[in-house]
Amino acid sequence: MKVKVYDKNLQAAGDLDLNPKIFEIVPDAGLIEQAVRMQMANSRQAIAHTKTRGEVRGGGKKPWKQKGTGNARAGSIRSPIWRHGGITFGPRSNRNYSLKMNQKQWRKALYMVLSDKASSNNFLIFSELELPKAKTREMSAFLENVKGKLAGSSKKFLFVIPKKDETIEKSARNLRYAKVIKANSLNVVDLINYDSVILPKTSIEIIEKTYLK
């Protein structure tokens, strides 16, 4: 697949042949869904936590003697059937929501999403990607300019940079419709959540080096 490369003034600066092993993969909705579910599950934290009768404070003394009071037998005020007692089968913080997926399958799902972005004109490559200074206003103006080169429905933008760039990162962090990630840390969820991908030419080389193993 051949795509245009632009300079910082959004003028054509040549063409680039994208590797067909990454950017010409036919999407499979089932495989992509599996990758999304795995990533979302592995990032989930078990916050809700209830205490069992052995963890609730108090209840060490038998409430009343076993016989002769007319009350039902009771051994602890922290029994699960008592108010303020322990919880039976309640949510625990040691739950494990993680899922596993074959690494080849995950990479293929990543290739599918990248292929879809490239084929639908939501993949913009620059010879160099830089901003004059770290200002939200600069980033906002830049994104307004690049919209004309992308698909008309583009409203959220994902920057894929080759290495840490504080100017770009600081400029985008206050924009709810923009996010910056590194080329060696791609993930399916971010690629799906953001309409368009913006990256410099050097990021393509890192993507190929990182994921084509």
Protein backbone atom coordinates (compact mmCIF):
# COMPACT_ATOMS: atom_id res chain seq x y z
CA MET A 1 0.00 0.00 0.00
CA LYS A 2 1.36 3.39 -1.02
CA VAL A 3 0.52 6.51 1.02
CA LYS A 4 1.52 10.15 0.86
CA VAL A 5 4.03 11.70 3.24
CA TYR A 6 3.55 15.35 4.25
CA ASP A 7 5.91 17.98 5.58
CA LYS A 8 5.19 20.30 8.52
CA ASN A 9 3.32 22.69 6.19
CA LEU A 10 0.99 19.86 5.05
CA GLN A 11 2.55 19.85 1.60
CA ALA A 12 3.21 16.54 -0.16
CA ALA A 13 6.77 15.38 0.50
CA GLY A 14 6.75 12.07 -1.38
CA ASP A 15 5.24 8.62 -1.09
CA LEU A 16 5.85 5.72 1.26
CA ASP A 17 5.24 2.02 0.63
CA LEU A 18 3.70 0.50 3.75
CA ASN A 19 4.63 -3.05 4.60
CA PRO A 20 1.80 -5.34 3.40
CA LYS A 21 2.46 -7.73 6.31
CA ILE A 22 1.12 -5.03 8.65
CA PHE A 23 -1.00 -2.68 6.58
CA GLU A 24 -2.79 -5.00 4.17
CA ILE A 25 -4.47 -7.48 6.52
CA VAL A 26 -8.19 -8.16 6.05
CA PRO A 27 -10.03 -7.31 9.32
CA ASP A 28 -11.68 -10.05 11.35
CA ALA A 29 -14.20 -8.58 13.82
CA GLY A 30 -14.09 -11.66 16.04
CA LEU A 31 -10.32 -11.56 16.49
CA ILE A 32 -10.31 -7.81 17.13
CA GLU A 33 -13.07 -8.21 19.71
CA GLN A 34 -11.04 -10.90 21.48
CA ALA A 35 -8.01 -8.58 21.65
CA VAL A 36 -10.14 -5.73 23.02
CA ARG A 37 -11.73 -7.96 25.67
CA MET A 38 -8.32 -9.22 26.76
CA GLN A 39 -6.86 -5.72 27.09
CA MET A 40 -9.87 -4.36 28.95
CA ALA A 41 -9.99 -7.35 31.30
CA ASN A 42 -6.26 -7.18 32.06
CA SER A 43 -6.53 -3.50 32.97
CA ARG A 44 -9.50 -4.11 35.29
CA GLN A 45 -8.90 -3.83 39.03
CA ALA A 46 -10.91 -5.62 41.71
CA ILE A 47 -11.85 -2.70 43.97
CA ALA A 48 -14.97 -4.01 45.74
CA HIS A 49 -14.01 -6.01 48.81
CA THR A 50 -16.12 -7.48 51.60
CA LYS A 51 -14.97 -9.02 54.88
CA THR A 52 -15.67 -12.56 55.98
CA ARG A 53 -16.74 -13.40 59.53
CA GLY A 54 -13.08 -13.97 60.39
CA GLU A 55 -12.10 -10.44 59.32
CA VAL A 56 -14.92 -8.40 60.88
CA ARG A 57 -13.92 -6.67 64.11
CA GLY A 58 -15.32 -8.14 67.36
CA GLY A 59 -17.42 -11.23 67.96
CA GLY A 60 -14.88 -13.16 69.99
CA LYS A 61 -17.27 -13.76 72.86
CA LYS A 62 -20.29 -16.02 72.68
CA PRO A 63 -23.39 -13.73 72.89
CA TRP A 64 -25.21 -15.90 75.42
CA LYS A 65 -25.00 -19.36 76.81
CA GLN A 66 -25.90 -22.28 74.63
CA LYS A 67 -29.06 -23.39 76.48
CA GLY A 68 -31.71 -21.98 78.76
CA THR A 69 -32.20 -18.46 77.39
CA GLY A 70 -34.97 -19.23 74.89
CA ASN A 71 -32.87 -17.72 72.09
CA ALA A 72 -31.49 -19.60 69.13
CA ARG A 73 -27.99 -20.93 69.48
CA ALA A 74 -25.33 -18.38 68.55
CA GLY A 75 -21.57 -18.53 68.67
CA SER A 76 -20.60 -15.06 67.43
CA ILE A 77 -22.23 -11.70 66.76
CA ARG A 78 -20.20 -11.58 63.52
CA SER A 79 -22.01 -14.54 61.97
CA PRO A 80 -23.12 -13.83 58.37
CA ILE A 81 -26.78 -14.09 59.44
CA TRP A 82 -26.36 -11.25 61.94
CA ARG A 83 -26.52 -7.56 61.18
CA HIS A 84 -22.97 -6.14 60.83
CA GLY A 85 -21.68 -9.68 60.50
CA GLY A 86 -19.38 -11.08 57.86
CA ILE A 87 -20.43 -11.40 54.23
CA THR A 88 -20.84 -14.78 52.57
CA PHE A 89 -19.76 -15.05 48.92
CA GLY A 90 -19.23 -11.28 48.65
CA PRO A 91 -16.81 -9.62 46.21
CA ARG A 92 -13.14 -9.94 47.16
CA SER A 93 -10.12 -7.89 46.10
CA ASN A 94 -8.13 -10.99 45.15
CA ARG A 95 -10.31 -11.70 42.13
CA ASN A 96 -8.44 -12.20 38.87
CA TYR A 97 -10.09 -10.87 35.72
CA SER A 98 -7.10 -11.37 33.44
CA LEU A 99 -7.47 -13.13 30.09
CA LYS A 100 -4.85 -14.62 27.82
CA MET A 101 -4.44 -14.53 24.08
CA ASN A 102 -1.92 -16.07 21.71
CA GLN A 103 0.73 -13.46 20.88
CA LYS A 104 0.46 -14.15 17.14
CA GLN A 105 -3.28 -13.59 17.31
CA TRP A 106 -2.85 -10.33 19.23
CA ARG A 107 -0.35 -9.03 16.69
CA LYS A 108 -2.64 -10.00 13.84
CA ALA A 109 -5.51 -8.09 15.49
CA LEU A 110 -3.19 -5.08 15.78
CA TYR A 111 -2.27 -5.37 12.09
CA MET A 112 -5.97 -5.51 11.21
CA VAL A 113 -6.76 -2.26 13.00
CA LEU A 114 -3.72 -0.53 11.46
CA SER A 115 -4.74 -1.81 8.01
CA ASP A 116 -8.23 -0.43 8.48
CA LYS A 117 -6.88 2.99 9.50
CA ALA A 118 -4.57 3.14 6.49
CA SER A 119 -7.18 1.98 3.96
CA SER A 120 -9.88 4.38 5.25
CA ASN A 121 -7.72 7.51 4.98
CA ASN A 122 -7.31 7.81 8.75
CA PHE A 123 -3.53 7.40 8.73
CA LEU A 124 -1.45 10.56 8.27
CA ILE A 125 2.34 10.33 7.94
CA PHE A 126 4.71 13.28 8.26
CA SER A 127 8.36 13.46 7.24
CA GLU A 128 8.90 15.09 10.66
CA LEU A 129 6.39 15.73 13.41
CA GLU A 130 7.17 18.69 15.62
CA LEU A 131 5.57 21.76 17.19
CA PRO A 132 7.29 25.12 17.74
CA LYS A 133 6.44 25.10 21.47
CA ALA A 134 4.48 23.17 24.06
CA LYS A 135 1.14 24.96 23.89
CA THR A 136 -2.36 23.48 23.81
CA ARG A 137 -3.34 26.24 21.40
CA GLU A 138 -0.61 25.18 18.98
CA MET A 139 -1.80 21.58 19.05
CA SER A 140 -5.43 22.57 18.60
CA ALA A 141 -4.58 24.71 15.58
CA PHE A 142 -2.44 21.91 14.12
CA LEU A 143 -5.28 19.40 14.40
CA GLU A 144 -7.71 21.78 12.74
CA ASN A 145 -5.32 22.01 9.78
CA VAL A 146 -4.81 18.24 9.41
CA LYS A 147 -8.53 17.47 9.36
CA GLY A 148 -8.60 18.32 5.67
CA LYS A 149 -6.15 15.52 4.91
CA LEU A 150 -8.08 12.88 6.86
CA ALA A 151 -11.48 11.24 6.56
CA GLY A 152 -14.31 13.69 7.17
CA SER A 153 -15.48 11.96 10.35
CA SER A 154 -12.16 12.36 12.19
CA LYS A 155 -12.76 13.91 15.61
CA LYS A 156 -10.26 12.10 17.85
CA PHE A 157 -6.55 11.86 17.12
CA LEU A 158 -3.86 9.44 18.24
CA PHE A 159 -0.24 10.57 17.94
CA VAL A 160 2.26 7.75 17.57
CA ILE A 161 5.74 9.11 18.27
CA PRO A 162 9.08 7.26 17.97
CA LYS A 163 10.39 8.42 21.35
CA LYS A 164 9.55 10.73 24.23
CA ASP A 165 8.69 14.24 23.02
CA GLU A 166 7.66 16.61 25.80
CA THR A 167 6.54 19.32 23.38
CA ILE A 168 3.94 17.10 21.73
CA GLU A 169 2.95 15.32 24.95
CA LYS A 170 2.41 18.56 26.91
CA SER A 171 0.55 20.16 24.01
CA ALA A 172 -1.92 17.27 23.75
CA ARG A 173 -2.52 16.33 27.39
CA ASN A 174 -5.24 18.94 27.96
CA LEU A 175 -7.18 17.96 24.83
CA ARG A 176 -9.78 15.27 25.48
CA TYR A 177 -9.78 14.34 21.78
CA ALA A 178 -6.02 13.74 21.47
CA LYS A 179 -3.62 11.22 22.96
CA VAL A 180 0.09 10.51 22.55
CA ILE A 181 1.66 7.03 22.70
CA LYS A 182 5.01 5.60 21.62
CA ALA A 183 5.38 3.49 18.49
CA ASN A 184 6.65 0.49 20.46
CA SER A 185 3.61 0.58 22.79
CA LEU A 186 0.70 0.29 20.35
CA ASN A 187 -2.50 -1.30 21.56
CA VAL A 188 -5.78 -2.25 19.92
CA VAL A 189 -8.06 -0.28 22.28
CA ASP A 190 -6.40 3.09 21.65
CA LEU A 191 -6.33 2.51 17.89
CA ILE A 192 -10.05 1.79 17.93
CA ASN A 193 -11.04 4.59 20.31
CA TYR A 194 -9.32 7.29 18.24
CA ASP A 195 -10.54 7.98 14.72
CA SER A 196 -7.21 8.91 13.13
CA VAL A 197 -3.54 8.12 13.61
CA ILE A 198 -0.90 10.83 13.12
CA LEU A 199 2.76 9.85 13.11
CA PRO A 200 6.18 10.73 11.70
CA LYS A 201 7.92 8.52 9.15
CA THR A 202 10.36 7.19 11.77
CA SER A 203 7.49 5.68 13.76
CA ILE A 204 6.70 3.35 10.83
CA GLU A 205 10.22 1.92 11.05
CA ILE A 206 9.85 1.32 14.80
CA ILE A 207 6.44 -0.35 14.32
CA GLU A 208 7.94 -2.76 11.77
CA LYS A 209 10.97 -3.45 13.94
CA THR A 210 8.89 -4.01 17.10
CA TYR A 211 5.96 -6.08 15.82
CA LEU A 212 7.32 -7.98 12.82
CA LYS A 213 9.17 -10.69 14.72
